[in-house]
Protein backbone atom coordinates (compact mmCIF):
# COMPACT_ATOMS: atom_id res chain seq x y z
CA MET A 1 -42.10 15.36 -70.44
CA ALA A 2 -41.80 11.63 -70.85
CA ARG A 3 -38.14 12.04 -71.58
CA TRP A 4 -37.47 13.78 -68.27
CA LYS A 5 -39.32 11.19 -66.25
CA SER A 6 -37.36 8.33 -67.77
CA ALA A 7 -34.06 10.15 -67.22
CA ARG A 8 -35.00 10.78 -63.62
CA GLY A 9 -35.72 7.09 -63.18
CA ARG A 10 -32.27 6.24 -64.50
CA THR A 11 -30.54 8.54 -62.03
CA ASP A 12 -32.52 7.04 -59.16
CA THR A 13 -31.39 3.57 -60.23
CA ALA A 14 -27.81 4.76 -60.50
CA ARG A 15 -27.98 6.28 -57.02
CA ARG A 16 -29.24 3.02 -55.57
CA GLY A 17 -26.32 1.24 -57.18
CA TYR A 18 -23.88 3.69 -55.64
CA GLU A 19 -25.50 3.23 -52.23
CA PHE A 20 -24.97 -0.50 -52.55
CA LEU A 21 -21.34 0.12 -53.48
CA LYS A 22 -20.89 2.39 -50.46
CA ALA A 23 -22.19 -0.37 -48.20
CA GLN A 24 -19.76 -2.85 -49.74
CA ILE A 25 -16.85 -0.46 -49.28
CA ARG A 26 -17.81 0.06 -45.63
CA LEU A 27 -17.96 -3.70 -45.11
CA ALA A 28 -14.53 -4.15 -46.69
CA ALA A 29 -13.11 -1.40 -44.49
CA LEU A 30 -14.56 -3.02 -41.36
CA VAL A 31 -13.16 -6.42 -42.31
CA ALA A 32 -9.74 -4.87 -42.93
CA ALA A 33 -9.92 -3.02 -39.62
CA ALA A 34 -10.75 -6.26 -37.83
CA ALA A 35 -8.02 -8.23 -39.62
CA VAL A 36 -5.16 -5.81 -38.93
CA PRO A 37 -5.02 -6.35 -35.13
CA LEU A 38 -5.18 -10.11 -35.67
CA LEU A 39 -2.27 -9.98 -38.10
CA VAL A 40 -0.28 -7.79 -35.71
CA LEU A 41 -1.02 -10.25 -32.90
CA ILE A 42 0.18 -13.18 -35.01
CA ALA A 43 3.35 -11.31 -36.00
CA MET A 44 4.32 -10.16 -32.49
CA VAL A 45 3.32 -13.08 -30.26
CA PRO A 46 5.03 -16.49 -30.26
CA ARG A 47 2.96 -19.15 -32.03
CA PRO A 48 2.05 -21.28 -28.97
CA ILE A 49 0.29 -18.42 -27.20
CA VAL A 50 -1.56 -16.80 -30.12
CA LEU A 51 -4.90 -18.49 -29.34
CA PRO A 52 -4.93 -17.75 -25.59
CA MET A 53 -3.95 -14.15 -26.29
CA PHE A 54 -6.63 -13.87 -28.98
CA CYS A 55 -9.14 -15.31 -26.50
CA ALA A 56 -8.24 -12.71 -23.89
CA LEU A 57 -8.36 -9.85 -26.40
CA ALA A 58 -11.71 -10.94 -27.83
CA LEU A 59 -13.24 -11.23 -24.36
CA ALA A 60 -11.84 -7.82 -23.40
CA GLY A 61 -13.33 -6.39 -26.60
CA ALA A 62 -16.65 -8.01 -25.75
CA ALA A 63 -16.57 -6.42 -22.31
CA LEU A 64 -15.80 -3.01 -23.81
CA ALA A 65 -18.57 -3.35 -26.40
CA ALA A 66 -21.04 -4.44 -23.71
CA ALA A 67 -20.03 -1.52 -21.47
CA PHE A 68 -20.49 0.87 -24.39
CA ALA A 69 -23.91 -0.63 -25.13
CA TRP A 70 -24.90 -0.43 -21.48
CA PHE A 71 -23.86 3.17 -20.94
CA SER A 72 -25.23 4.38 -24.28
CA ARG A 73 -28.50 2.57 -23.51
CA ALA A 74 -28.50 0.89 -26.89
CA ARG A 75 -31.61 -0.97 -27.93
CA ARG A 76 -31.28 -4.71 -27.67
CA GLN A 77 -33.74 -5.65 -30.38
CA SER A 78 -33.39 -3.93 -33.69
CA GLU A 79 -33.32 -4.79 -37.37
CA ARG A 80 -29.76 -3.46 -37.58
CA VAL A 81 -26.60 -4.59 -35.85
CA THR A 82 -26.41 -3.18 -32.33
CA PRO A 83 -23.48 -2.91 -29.91
CA TRP A 84 -25.03 -5.84 -28.06
CA ASP A 85 -24.67 -7.96 -31.19
CA VAL A 86 -21.03 -6.95 -31.52
CA ALA A 87 -20.39 -7.81 -27.86
CA GLY A 88 -22.04 -11.20 -28.32
CA ALA A 89 -20.04 -11.96 -31.45
CA LEU A 90 -16.77 -11.04 -29.75
CA ALA A 91 -17.65 -13.17 -26.73
CA LEU A 92 -18.47 -16.11 -28.99
CA ILE A 93 -15.16 -15.71 -30.84
CA GLY A 94 -13.26 -15.41 -27.54
CA PHE A 95 -14.84 -18.51 -26.04
CA ALA A 96 -14.22 -20.46 -29.24
CA ALA A 97 -10.55 -19.45 -29.23
CA GLY A 98 -10.33 -20.46 -25.58
CA ALA A 99 -11.93 -23.83 -26.27
CA ILE A 100 -9.57 -24.56 -29.16
CA SER A 101 -6.40 -23.61 -27.28
CA GLU A 102 -4.51 -26.23 -25.30
CA PRO A 103 -4.06 -25.93 -21.51
CA ASP A 104 -0.27 -25.86 -21.79
CA GLN A 105 -0.56 -22.89 -24.16
CA VAL A 106 -2.52 -21.00 -21.53
CA LEU A 107 0.13 -21.84 -18.94
CA LEU A 108 2.80 -20.47 -21.29
CA LEU A 109 0.82 -17.24 -21.53
CA PHE A 110 0.73 -16.79 -17.77
CA GLU A 111 4.35 -17.88 -17.30
CA ARG A 112 5.49 -15.18 -19.72
CA GLN A 113 3.50 -12.55 -17.86
CA SER A 114 4.92 -13.60 -14.49
CA LEU A 115 8.47 -13.48 -15.87
CA THR A 116 8.06 -9.88 -17.03
CA GLN A 117 6.73 -8.66 -13.68
């Protein structure tokens, strides 16, 4: 019987290791999913207006995440990451991008939009 108990303990340890690996794979997939739109933005938008555009997109994402959290009645205080945390992180990133960008870059962003209309 002692043999079976020790073998069972080994499989439990192996399962915990696989669970950790699954969490790491999920994190890598989320990072890749977040990086792809940024790389597409950098490739398609002229360099001077990348930061203002990134600011606008991050703030729009924050608004969408906050709306999702509001309508799904997500808990605000939890041990895990909530939609409110995601909305706050996106808002922080958006405001930081807006603070770093130059005023003339923002004007270029709006001039381009007015030319296409």
